[in-house]
């Protein structure tokens, strides 16, 4: 039982860390692409490479653009490395050990998941990528 609890706590933390890291990759790519001259799409490729999602991205989205990489890396439920997928997995692991974690941790993680789940591409663009990334990091 103790090892199962430790396992859930480890993976909860690991998935939260993954979500935070993806926000950092996205912000760097965004800044670099804004200062780029011609091939802005090239700056988004490392986000896919680092997260190990190039093949899955190519199957679902085809051509690489800022909008498609952000959607894939943030909101795509089929992408387990997306922020959406990472927060979902972190919440599932936290739920499994809810009785041993502080209620504030559960409430923060659950609220973050629920708000992210309700997010769509249009709302994300209105909120701005930078604001969203900062919000995720504050919550992780």
Foldseek 3Di string as FASTA:
>chain_A
DVVLLVVLVVLLVVLLVLLLVLLVLLVVLVVVLVPDDPCSQVSLVVSCVVLVNPVVLCVPPNDGDNLSSLCQQAPDCVRCSHSLNSLVSSLVSCVVVVVPDDPVLNVLSVVVNVVSNPDDSVNDVVCDSNNVSVVSVVSD
